[in-house]
Amino acid sequence: MNQDRNQDQLHPFIFEQSAVRGNCVQLDQSLLTALEHQTLPPALKKVIGEFTAASVLLTATLKMQGKMILQLQSQGALQLLVVECTSQLNIRTTAKVGSELPGDQLTDWIKQGQLVITLMPEEGEPYQGIVPLEGDSIASMLENYMLRSQQIDTRLWLASDGERASGLLLQKLPQQQESDLDCWNRVQHLAGTVTDQELLNLDTVTLLQRLFVEEDVRLFSGREVLAFCSCSQTSVINMLQMLGVAEVRSIIEEQGSVQIQCDFCNKHYVVDEQEALGLFDEDDDHEVTH
């Protein structure tokens, strides 16, 4: 591994005198930590790496405080791929596979799929956008989503080897003053020459200099990306209260206690009968049992 990489860092940048901005991200330990409790085939880890890099790139373009949840859902062998990224760039990710993955390409695993992006601000109402999966890669699927759902010109270049992941994002901001009108077309073309090896092995400064040697690029300070699972005993208790006393009682009758396994970090939670039923007042229990 090249130690000169900006490991687990996101770097924003802009092209001066234009309406074009960008982000560059490299994930190393954060990706390994996010996947360490999940047994997944190498080809799927590569796709998850790209999906995770993309989620960090897109989250960093948002002004809100909160989190973005990217979901790829399908009726194929790959049923679900989820990445959560907070505005502090804390990530967690998981996948659900219904059967053995045929082939080694994403398009071999999905059928009648859709892409769901959910924004959950700390204040205000959540927003969700859903579009059919269009494209043959994570990058092209997300580009199509951004154009169709957000009306924002966005280009993504993603690379992953299953243990590391990197990505480059370019966006053309609408309704912004610019004097370099050809910049968007020009820098898209230049970025399109990047290779997976360059994305995975070069530090951000070297990468941007190599791609945009004659462009006026301003690079901002990097932000750290961390793997962090937000599951907790409190969130399990909240979920049980949402299920209601009837559902909780039926689970206890079947299993003796409530047992929850976190899909992201594999942590195991147990709530015994007394604690679980104690979450509900006697009136709730009375209504169910009579």
C-alpha atoms as a PDB file:
ATOM      1  CA  MET A   1       0.000   0.000   0.000  1.00  0.00           C
ATOM      2  CA  ASN A   2       1.282   3.447  -0.858  1.00  0.00           C
ATOM      3  CA  GLN A   3       1.797   5.287   2.429  1.00  0.00           C
ATOM      4  CA  ASP A   4       1.610   8.653   0.671  1.00  0.00           C
ATOM      5  CA  ARG A   5      -2.123   8.347   0.229  1.00  0.00           C
ATOM      6  CA  ASN A   6      -4.348  10.614   2.317  1.00  0.00           C
ATOM      7  CA  GLN A   7      -5.699   7.626   4.213  1.00  0.00           C
ATOM      8  CA  ASP A   8      -9.303   7.925   5.378  1.00  0.00           C
ATOM      9  CA  GLN A   9      -9.549  11.533   4.254  1.00  0.00           C
ATOM     10  CA  LEU A  10     -11.958  13.549   2.143  1.00  0.00           C
ATOM     11  CA  HIS A  11     -10.616  16.648   0.375  1.00  0.00           C
ATOM     12  CA  PRO A  12     -12.956  19.245  -1.186  1.00  0.00           C
ATOM     13  CA  PHE A  13     -11.678  21.417  -4.033  1.00  0.00           C
ATOM     14  CA  ILE A  14     -12.972  23.978  -6.508  1.00  0.00           C
ATOM     15  CA  PHE A  15     -11.976  25.239  -9.934  1.00  0.00           C
ATOM     16  CA  GLU A  16     -11.496  28.996  -9.697  1.00  0.00           C
ATOM     17  CA  GLN A  17     -13.670  31.271 -11.864  1.00  0.00           C
ATOM     18  CA  SER A  18     -16.112  28.438 -12.551  1.00  0.00           C
ATOM     19  CA  ALA A  19     -19.237  26.794 -11.122  1.00  0.00           C
ATOM     20  CA  VAL A  20     -17.460  23.447 -10.773  1.00  0.00           C
ATOM     21  CA  ARG A  21     -16.568  21.872  -7.429  1.00  0.00           C
ATOM     22  CA  GLY A  22     -15.161  18.509  -6.485  1.00  0.00           C
ATOM     23  CA  ASN A  23     -14.385  16.057  -3.716  1.00  0.00           C
ATOM     24  CA  CYS A  24     -11.705  13.405  -3.509  1.00  0.00           C
ATOM     25  CA  VAL A  25     -11.799  10.594  -0.948  1.00  0.00           C
ATOM     26  CA  GLN A  26      -9.598   7.699   0.094  1.00  0.00           C
ATOM     27  CA  LEU A  27     -10.751   4.979   2.472  1.00  0.00           C
ATOM     28  CA  ASP A  28      -8.378   2.497   4.106  1.00  0.00           C
ATOM     29  CA  GLN A  29      -8.840   1.504   7.758  1.00  0.00           C
ATOM     30  CA  SER A  30     -12.372   2.915   7.832  1.00  0.00           C
ATOM     31  CA  LEU A  31     -13.487   0.481   5.114  1.00  0.00           C
ATOM     32  CA  LEU A  32     -11.733  -2.483   6.753  1.00  0.00           C
ATOM     33  CA  THR A  33     -13.365  -1.652  10.094  1.00  0.00           C
ATOM     34  CA  ALA A  34     -16.811  -1.211   8.522  1.00  0.00           C
ATOM     35  CA  LEU A  35     -16.583  -4.673   6.938  1.00  0.00           C
ATOM     36  CA  GLU A  36     -14.604  -6.587   9.575  1.00  0.00           C
ATOM     37  CA  HIS A  37     -17.609  -8.423  11.069  1.00  0.00           C
ATOM     38  CA  GLN A  38     -19.194  -9.373   7.744  1.00  0.00           C
ATOM     39  CA  THR A  39     -18.388 -12.428   5.650  1.00  0.00           C
ATOM     40  CA  LEU A  40     -18.734 -11.334   2.040  1.00  0.00           C
ATOM     41  CA  PRO A  41     -17.199 -12.490  -1.253  1.00  0.00           C
ATOM     42  CA  PRO A  42     -14.290 -10.359  -2.550  1.00  0.00           C
ATOM     43  CA  ALA A  43     -16.197  -9.166  -5.636  1.00  0.00           C
ATOM     44  CA  LEU A  44     -18.997  -7.834  -3.417  1.00  0.00           C
ATOM     45  CA  LYS A  45     -16.507  -6.140  -1.066  1.00  0.00           C
ATOM     46  CA  LYS A  46     -15.137  -4.296  -4.103  1.00  0.00           C
ATOM     47  CA  VAL A  47     -18.630  -3.009  -4.993  1.00  0.00           C
ATOM     48  CA  ILE A  48     -19.314  -2.074  -1.354  1.00  0.00           C
ATOM     49  CA  GLY A  49     -16.045  -0.138  -1.338  1.00  0.00           C
ATOM     50  CA  GLU A  50     -17.143   1.893  -4.351  1.00  0.00           C
ATOM     51  CA  PHE A  51     -20.612   2.445  -2.875  1.00  0.00           C
ATOM     52  CA  THR A  52     -19.094   3.618   0.414  1.00  0.00           C
ATOM     53  CA  ALA A  53     -16.660   5.998  -1.289  1.00  0.00           C
ATOM     54  CA  ALA A  54     -19.544   7.425  -3.313  1.00  0.00           C
ATOM     55  CA  SER A  55     -21.656   7.951  -0.181  1.00  0.00           C
ATOM     56  CA  VAL A  56     -18.879   9.968   1.467  1.00  0.00           C
ATOM     57  CA  LEU A  57     -18.353  12.051  -1.687  1.00  0.00           C
ATOM     58  CA  LEU A  58     -22.067  12.845  -1.962  1.00  0.00           C
ATOM     59  CA  THR A  59     -22.643  13.443   1.768  1.00  0.00           C
ATOM     60  CA  ALA A  60     -19.832  15.994   1.771  1.00  0.00           C
ATOM     61  CA  THR A  61     -21.728  18.063  -0.835  1.00  0.00           C
ATOM     62  CA  LEU A  62     -24.713  18.488   1.511  1.00  0.00           C
ATOM     63  CA  LYS A  63     -25.142  21.478   3.791  1.00  0.00           C
ATOM     64  CA  MET A  64     -27.360  19.680   6.283  1.00  0.00           C
ATOM     65  CA  GLN A  65     -26.381  18.172   9.636  1.00  0.00           C
ATOM     66  CA  GLY A  66     -27.618  14.603   9.814  1.00  0.00           C
ATOM     67  CA  LYS A  67     -27.025  11.533   7.700  1.00  0.00           C
ATOM     68  CA  MET A  68     -27.505  10.179   4.206  1.00  0.00           C
ATOM     69  CA  ILE A  69     -28.512   6.563   3.616  1.00  0.00           C
ATOM     70  CA  LEU A  70     -27.744   5.057   0.204  1.00  0.00           C
ATOM     71  CA  GLN A  71     -29.620   1.850  -0.631  1.00  0.00           C
ATOM     72  CA  LEU A  72     -29.429  -0.374  -3.664  1.00  0.00           C
ATOM     73  CA  GLN A  73     -32.400  -2.752  -3.659  1.00  0.00           C
ATOM     74  CA  SER A  74     -33.020  -5.549  -6.139  1.00  0.00           C
ATOM     75  CA  GLN A  75     -34.828  -8.843  -6.677  1.00  0.00           C
ATOM     76  CA  GLY A  76     -31.642 -10.503  -7.881  1.00  0.00           C
ATOM     77  CA  ALA A  77     -28.977 -12.356  -5.896  1.00  0.00           C
ATOM     78  CA  LEU A  78     -27.879  -9.060  -4.348  1.00  0.00           C
ATOM     79  CA  GLN A  79     -31.021  -8.041  -2.496  1.00  0.00           C
ATOM     80  CA  LEU A  80     -29.735  -5.049  -0.552  1.00  0.00           C
ATOM     81  CA  LEU A  81     -26.667  -2.851  -0.294  1.00  0.00           C
ATOM     82  CA  VAL A  82     -26.730  -0.094   2.331  1.00  0.00           C
ATOM     83  CA  VAL A  83     -24.286   2.631   3.302  1.00  0.00           C
ATOM     84  CA  GLU A  84     -24.960   5.256   5.962  1.00  0.00           C
ATOM     85  CA  CYS A  85     -22.757   8.342   6.130  1.00  0.00           C
ATOM     86  CA  THR A  86     -23.221  11.133   8.651  1.00  0.00           C
ATOM     87  CA  SER A  87     -22.372  14.785   8.114  1.00  0.00           C
ATOM     88  CA  GLN A  88     -19.333  14.093  10.371  1.00  0.00           C
ATOM     89  CA  LEU A  89     -18.272  11.467   7.773  1.00  0.00           C
ATOM     90  CA  ASN A  90     -18.890   8.481  10.041  1.00  0.00           C
ATOM     91  CA  ILE A  91     -19.713   5.454   7.889  1.00  0.00           C
ATOM     92  CA  ARG A  92     -21.297   2.035   8.282  1.00  0.00           C
ATOM     93  CA  THR A  93     -22.286  -0.438   5.580  1.00  0.00           C
ATOM     94  CA  THR A  94     -23.883  -3.826   5.046  1.00  0.00           C
ATOM     95  CA  ALA A  95     -25.202  -6.096   2.288  1.00  0.00           C
ATOM     96  CA  LYS A  96     -27.849  -8.800   2.072  1.00  0.00           C
ATOM     97  CA  VAL A  97     -27.328 -11.613  -0.419  1.00  0.00           C
ATOM     98  CA  GLY A  98     -30.193 -13.961  -1.202  1.00  0.00           C
ATOM     99  CA  SER A  99     -28.174 -16.642  -2.992  1.00  0.00           C
ATOM    100  CA  GLU A 100     -24.667 -17.263  -4.252  1.00  0.00           C
ATOM    101  CA  LEU A 101     -23.597 -14.386  -6.461  1.00  0.00           C
ATOM    102  CA  PRO A 102     -23.446 -15.375 -10.130  1.00  0.00           C
ATOM    103  CA  GLY A 103     -20.494 -13.948 -12.054  1.00  0.00           C
ATOM    104  CA  ASP A 104     -18.315 -11.191 -10.637  1.00  0.00           C
ATOM    105  CA  GLN A 105     -20.040  -8.043 -11.917  1.00  0.00           C
ATOM    106  CA  LEU A 106     -22.669  -5.914 -10.216  1.00  0.00           C
ATOM    107  CA  THR A 107     -24.981  -6.212 -13.223  1.00  0.00           C
ATOM    108  CA  ASP A 108     -24.948 -10.023 -12.813  1.00  0.00           C
ATOM    109  CA  TRP A 109     -26.379  -9.723  -9.303  1.00  0.00           C
ATOM    110  CA  ILE A 110     -29.246  -7.257  -9.673  1.00  0.00           C
ATOM    111  CA  LYS A 111     -32.678  -7.596 -11.229  1.00  0.00           C
ATOM    112  CA  GLN A 112     -35.508  -5.045 -11.264  1.00  0.00           C
ATOM    113  CA  GLY A 113     -33.494  -2.868  -8.935  1.00  0.00           C
ATOM    114  CA  GLN A 114     -33.923   0.612  -7.571  1.00  0.00           C
ATOM    115  CA  LEU A 115     -31.700   3.183  -5.935  1.00  0.00           C
ATOM    116  CA  VAL A 116     -32.997   4.861  -2.783  1.00  0.00           C
ATOM    117  CA  ILE A 117     -31.356   7.891  -1.217  1.00  0.00           C
ATOM    118  CA  THR A 118     -32.675   9.038   2.149  1.00  0.00           C
ATOM    119  CA  LEU A 119     -31.620  12.292   3.793  1.00  0.00           C
ATOM    120  CA  MET A 120     -32.263  12.435   7.539  1.00  0.00           C
ATOM    121  CA  PRO A 121     -31.471  15.896   8.901  1.00  0.00           C
ATOM    122  CA  GLU A 122     -31.088  16.395  12.626  1.00  0.00           C
ATOM    123  CA  GLU A 123     -33.735  19.108  12.302  1.00  0.00           C
ATOM    124  CA  GLY A 124     -36.615  19.033   9.855  1.00  0.00           C
ATOM    125  CA  GLU A 125     -38.325  16.337   7.843  1.00  0.00           C
ATOM    126  CA  PRO A 126     -36.496  13.453   6.118  1.00  0.00           C
ATOM    127  CA  TYR A 127     -36.400  13.327   2.319  1.00  0.00           C
ATOM    128  CA  GLN A 128     -36.338  10.217   0.143  1.00  0.00           C
ATOM    129  CA  GLY A 129     -35.698   9.864  -3.573  1.00  0.00           C
ATOM    130  CA  ILE A 130     -36.214   6.610  -5.490  1.00  0.00           C
ATOM    131  CA  VAL A 131     -35.228   5.904  -9.094  1.00  0.00           C
ATOM    132  CA  PRO A 132     -34.818   2.705 -11.147  1.00  0.00           C
ATOM    133  CA  LEU A 133     -31.268   1.414 -11.456  1.00  0.00           C
ATOM    134  CA  GLU A 134     -29.793   2.687 -14.704  1.00  0.00           C
ATOM    135  CA  GLY A 135     -26.197   2.023 -15.662  1.00  0.00           C
ATOM    136  CA  ASP A 136     -23.632  -0.752 -15.423  1.00  0.00           C
ATOM    137  CA  SER A 137     -21.636   0.541 -12.451  1.00  0.00           C
ATOM    138  CA  ILE A 138     -22.132   2.217  -9.068  1.00  0.00           C
ATOM    139  CA  ALA A 139     -20.804   5.467 -10.553  1.00  0.00           C
ATOM    140  CA  SER A 140     -23.180   5.556 -13.529  1.00  0.00           C
ATOM    141  CA  MET A 141     -26.180   4.567 -11.380  1.00  0.00           C
ATOM    142  CA  LEU A 142     -25.538   7.434  -8.979  1.00  0.00           C
ATOM    143  CA  GLU A 143     -24.863   9.901 -11.792  1.00  0.00           C
ATOM    144  CA  ASN A 144     -28.247   9.015 -13.290  1.00  0.00           C
ATOM    145  CA  TYR A 145     -29.890   9.417  -9.885  1.00  0.00           C
ATOM    146  CA  MET A 146     -28.382  12.861  -9.325  1.00  0.00           C
ATOM    147  CA  LEU A 147     -29.467  14.065 -12.758  1.00  0.00           C
ATOM    148  CA  ARG A 148     -32.995  12.633 -12.583  1.00  0.00           C
ATOM    149  CA  SER A 149     -33.815  13.274  -8.952  1.00  0.00           C
ATOM    150  CA  GLN A 150     -31.701  16.299  -8.016  1.00  0.00           C
ATOM    151  CA  GLN A 151     -31.156  17.947 -11.445  1.00  0.00           C
ATOM    152  CA  ILE A 152     -27.472  18.382 -10.591  1.00  0.00           C
ATOM    153  CA  ASP A 153     -24.779  17.501 -13.135  1.00  0.00           C
ATOM    154  CA  THR A 154     -22.548  15.064 -11.249  1.00  0.00           C
ATOM    155  CA  ARG A 155     -19.702  12.827 -12.404  1.00  0.00           C
ATOM    156  CA  LEU A 156     -18.116  10.074 -10.321  1.00  0.00           C
ATOM    157  CA  TRP A 157     -14.995   7.962 -10.729  1.00  0.00           C
ATOM    158  CA  LEU A 158     -14.711   5.137  -8.181  1.00  0.00           C
ATOM    159  CA  ALA A 159     -12.170   2.404  -7.499  1.00  0.00           C
ATOM    160  CA  SER A 160     -11.891  -0.334  -4.884  1.00  0.00           C
ATOM    161  CA  ASP A 161      -9.961  -3.545  -4.327  1.00  0.00           C
ATOM    162  CA  GLY A 162     -12.211  -4.685  -1.459  1.00  0.00           C
ATOM    163  CA  GLU A 163      -9.824  -3.452   1.235  1.00  0.00           C
ATOM    164  CA  ARG A 164      -9.331   0.131   0.067  1.00  0.00           C
ATOM    165  CA  ALA A 165     -11.563   2.452  -1.893  1.00  0.00           C
ATOM    166  CA  SER A 166     -11.157   5.840  -3.542  1.00  0.00           C
ATOM    167  CA  GLY A 167     -13.338   8.226  -5.450  1.00  0.00           C
ATOM    168  CA  LEU A 168     -13.433  11.491  -7.323  1.00  0.00           C
ATOM    169  CA  LEU A 169     -16.571  13.633  -7.678  1.00  0.00           C
ATOM    170  CA  LEU A 170     -17.180  16.626  -9.916  1.00  0.00           C
ATOM    171  CA  GLN A 171     -20.350  18.728  -9.766  1.00  0.00           C
ATOM    172  CA  LYS A 172     -21.568  21.671 -11.786  1.00  0.00           C
ATOM    173  CA  LEU A 173     -23.437  24.005  -9.492  1.00  0.00           C
ATOM    174  CA  PRO A 174     -26.531  25.553 -11.085  1.00  0.00           C
ATOM    175  CA  GLN A 175     -27.217  29.289 -11.088  1.00  0.00           C
ATOM    176  CA  GLN A 176     -23.745  30.299 -10.013  1.00  0.00           C
ATOM    177  CA  GLN A 177     -21.693  33.082 -11.586  1.00  0.00           C
ATOM    178  CA  GLU A 178     -18.786  31.835 -13.661  1.00  0.00           C
ATOM    179  CA  SER A 179     -16.374  33.354 -16.125  1.00  0.00           C
ATOM    180  CA  ASP A 180     -14.856  30.052 -17.322  1.00  0.00           C
ATOM    181  CA  LEU A 181     -17.893  28.710 -19.188  1.00  0.00           C
ATOM    182  CA  ASP A 182     -16.083  25.747 -20.767  1.00  0.00           C
ATOM    183  CA  CYS A 183     -14.681  24.477 -17.466  1.00  0.00           C
ATOM    184  CA  TRP A 184     -17.312  21.763 -16.897  1.00  0.00           C
ATOM    185  CA  ASN A 185     -16.775  20.122 -20.280  1.00  0.00           C
ATOM    186  CA  ARG A 186     -13.016  20.425 -20.026  1.00  0.00           C
ATOM    187  CA  VAL A 187     -12.508  19.016 -16.522  1.00  0.00           C
ATOM    188  CA  GLN A 188     -14.952  16.136 -17.123  1.00  0.00           C
ATOM    189  CA  HIS A 189     -12.806  15.082 -20.066  1.00  0.00           C
ATOM    190  CA  LEU A 190      -9.593  15.379 -18.041  1.00  0.00           C
ATOM    191  CA  ALA A 191     -10.997  13.452 -15.067  1.00  0.00           C
ATOM    192  CA  GLY A 192     -12.142  10.730 -17.433  1.00  0.00           C
ATOM    193  CA  THR A 193      -8.506   9.817 -18.067  1.00  0.00           C
ATOM    194  CA  VAL A 194      -7.983   8.681 -14.462  1.00  0.00           C
ATOM    195  CA  THR A 195      -7.163   5.006 -13.851  1.00  0.00           C
ATOM    196  CA  ASP A 196      -8.190   2.808 -10.942  1.00  0.00           C
ATOM    197  CA  GLN A 197      -4.544   2.492  -9.926  1.00  0.00           C
ATOM    198  CA  GLU A 198      -4.138   6.267  -9.809  1.00  0.00           C
ATOM    199  CA  LEU A 199      -7.260   6.631  -7.674  1.00  0.00           C
ATOM    200  CA  LEU A 200      -6.133   3.892  -5.296  1.00  0.00           C
ATOM    201  CA  ASN A 201      -2.465   4.783  -4.958  1.00  0.00           C
ATOM    202  CA  LEU A 202      -1.919   8.522  -5.422  1.00  0.00           C
ATOM    203  CA  ASP A 203      -2.349  11.132  -2.713  1.00  0.00           C
ATOM    204  CA  THR A 204      -4.901  13.863  -3.455  1.00  0.00           C
ATOM    205  CA  VAL A 205      -2.412  16.611  -4.356  1.00  0.00           C
ATOM    206  CA  THR A 206      -0.540  14.386  -6.806  1.00  0.00           C
ATOM    207  CA  LEU A 207      -3.775  13.068  -8.310  1.00  0.00           C
ATOM    208  CA  LEU A 208      -5.248  16.530  -8.909  1.00  0.00           C
ATOM    209  CA  GLN A 209      -1.964  17.851 -10.300  1.00  0.00           C
ATOM    210  CA  ARG A 210      -1.734  14.923 -12.704  1.00  0.00           C
ATOM    211  CA  LEU A 211      -5.328  15.253 -13.900  1.00  0.00           C
ATOM    212  CA  PHE A 212      -5.704  19.038 -13.936  1.00  0.00           C
ATOM    213  CA  VAL A 213      -2.151  20.272 -14.490  1.00  0.00           C
ATOM    214  CA  GLU A 214      -3.214  23.444 -16.356  1.00  0.00           C
ATOM    215  CA  GLU A 215      -6.332  24.178 -14.292  1.00  0.00           C
ATOM    216  CA  ASP A 216      -6.619  26.677 -11.442  1.00  0.00           C
ATOM    217  CA  VAL A 217      -7.586  24.328  -8.594  1.00  0.00           C
ATOM    218  CA  ARG A 218      -8.021  25.375  -4.967  1.00  0.00           C
ATOM    219  CA  LEU A 219      -7.722  22.438  -2.553  1.00  0.00           C
ATOM    220  CA  PHE A 220      -9.226  22.662   0.925  1.00  0.00           C
ATOM    221  CA  SER A 221      -8.164  20.928   4.138  1.00  0.00           C
ATOM    222  CA  GLY A 222      -8.952  17.258   4.478  1.00  0.00           C
ATOM    223  CA  ARG A 223     -11.669  15.803   6.710  1.00  0.00           C
ATOM    224  CA  GLU A 224     -11.278  12.474   8.495  1.00  0.00           C
ATOM    225  CA  VAL A 225     -13.555   9.541   7.635  1.00  0.00           C
ATOM    226  CA  LEU A 226     -14.285   7.026  10.410  1.00  0.00           C
ATOM    227  CA  ALA A 227     -16.177   3.745  10.611  1.00  0.00           C
ATOM    228  CA  PHE A 228     -18.730   4.036  13.393  1.00  0.00           C
ATOM    229  CA  CYS A 229     -21.860   1.997  14.083  1.00  0.00           C
ATOM    230  CA  SER A 230     -24.637   3.948  15.776  1.00  0.00           C
ATOM    231  CA  CYS A 231     -26.459   0.883  17.124  1.00  0.00           C
ATOM    232  CA  SER A 232     -27.041   0.838  20.901  1.00  0.00           C
ATOM    233  CA  GLN A 233     -29.179  -0.708  23.615  1.00  0.00           C
ATOM    234  CA  THR A 234     -31.203   2.507  23.574  1.00  0.00           C
ATOM    235  CA  SER A 235     -31.981   2.175  19.859  1.00  0.00           C
ATOM    236  CA  VAL A 236     -33.052  -1.442  20.424  1.00  0.00           C
ATOM    237  CA  ILE A 237     -35.395  -0.327  23.233  1.00  0.00           C
ATOM    238  CA  ASN A 238     -36.837   2.397  20.968  1.00  0.00           C
ATOM    239  CA  MET A 239     -37.460  -0.181  18.248  1.00  0.00           C
ATOM    240  CA  LEU A 240     -39.309  -2.468  20.682  1.00  0.00           C
ATOM    241  CA  GLN A 241     -41.531   0.400  21.795  1.00  0.00           C
ATOM    242  CA  MET A 242     -42.402   1.053  18.170  1.00  0.00           C
ATOM    243  CA  LEU A 243     -43.275  -2.632  17.633  1.00  0.00           C
ATOM    244  CA  GLY A 244     -45.853  -2.525  20.415  1.00  0.00           C
ATOM    245  CA  VAL A 245     -46.624  -4.825  23.324  1.00  0.00           C
ATOM    246  CA  ALA A 246     -48.466  -7.469  21.268  1.00  0.00           C
ATOM    247  CA  GLU A 247     -45.549  -8.036  18.898  1.00  0.00           C
ATOM    248  CA  VAL A 248     -42.982  -7.985  21.720  1.00  0.00           C
ATOM    249  CA  ARG A 249     -45.024 -10.470  23.764  1.00  0.00           C
ATOM    250  CA  SER A 250     -45.245 -12.866  20.803  1.00  0.00           C
ATOM    251  CA  ILE A 251     -41.470 -12.697  20.303  1.00  0.00           C
ATOM    252  CA  ILE A 252     -40.886 -13.491  23.975  1.00  0.00           C
ATOM    253  CA  GLU A 253     -43.362 -16.398  23.890  1.00  0.00           C
ATOM    254  CA  GLU A 254     -41.455 -17.821  20.927  1.00  0.00           C
ATOM    255  CA  GLN A 255     -37.859 -17.118  21.999  1.00  0.00           C
ATOM    256  CA  GLY A 256     -37.933 -16.425  25.749  1.00  0.00           C
ATOM    257  CA  SER A 257     -36.316 -13.022  25.267  1.00  0.00           C
ATOM    258  CA  VAL A 258     -35.814 -10.453  22.511  1.00  0.00           C
ATOM    259  CA  GLN A 259     -32.546 -10.925  20.645  1.00  0.00           C
ATOM    260  CA  ILE A 260     -31.324  -8.468  18.027  1.00  0.00           C
ATOM    261  CA  GLN A 261     -28.230  -8.766  15.829  1.00  0.00           C
ATOM    262  CA  CYS A 262     -26.945  -5.551  14.247  1.00  0.00           C
ATOM    263  CA  ASP A 263     -26.619  -6.028  10.475  1.00  0.00           C
ATOM    264  CA  PHE A 264     -23.764  -3.514  10.320  1.00  0.00           C
ATOM    265  CA  CYS A 265     -21.382  -4.426  13.164  1.00  0.00           C
ATOM    266  CA  ASN A 266     -22.775  -7.844  14.172  1.00  0.00           C
ATOM    267  CA  LYS A 267     -23.202  -6.761  17.793  1.00  0.00           C
ATOM    268  CA  HIS A 268     -25.704  -8.905  19.706  1.00  0.00           C
ATOM    269  CA  TYR A 269     -28.355  -7.359  21.971  1.00  0.00           C
ATOM    270  CA  VAL A 270     -30.583  -9.238  24.413  1.00  0.00           C
ATOM    271  CA  VAL A 271     -33.609  -7.772  26.202  1.00  0.00           C
ATOM    272  CA  ASP A 272     -35.118 -10.146  28.787  1.00  0.00           C
ATOM    273  CA  GLU A 273     -38.845 -10.619  29.340  1.00  0.00           C
ATOM    274  CA  GLN A 274     -39.092  -8.398  32.406  1.00  0.00           C
ATOM    275  CA  GLU A 275     -37.290  -5.462  30.786  1.00  0.00           C
ATOM    276  CA  ALA A 276     -39.121  -5.818  27.463  1.00  0.00           C
ATOM    277  CA  LEU A 277     -42.621  -5.949  28.940  1.00  0.00           C
ATOM    278  CA  GLY A 278     -41.693  -3.255  31.444  1.00  0.00           C
ATOM    279  CA  LEU A 279     -41.432  -0.816  28.518  1.00  0.00           C
ATOM    280  CA  PHE A 280     -45.230  -0.792  28.277  1.00  0.00           C
ATOM    281  CA  ASP A 281     -47.713   0.378  30.869  1.00  0.00           C
ATOM    282  CA  GLU A 282     -50.357  -1.924  32.281  1.00  0.00           C
ATOM    283  CA  ASP A 283     -53.110  -0.357  30.199  1.00  0.00           C
ATOM    284  CA  ASP A 284     -51.342  -1.409  26.987  1.00  0.00           C
ATOM    285  CA  ASP A 285     -50.885  -4.922  28.309  1.00  0.00           C
ATOM    286  CA  HIS A 286     -54.473  -5.054  29.530  1.00  0.00           C
ATOM    287  CA  GLU A 287     -55.781  -4.160  26.075  1.00  0.00           C
ATOM    288  CA  VAL A 288     -53.791  -6.966  24.490  1.00  0.00           C
ATOM    289  CA  THR A 289     -54.499  -9.725  26.982  1.00  0.00           C
ATOM    290  CA  HIS A 290     -58.246  -9.180  27.312  1.00  0.00           C
END
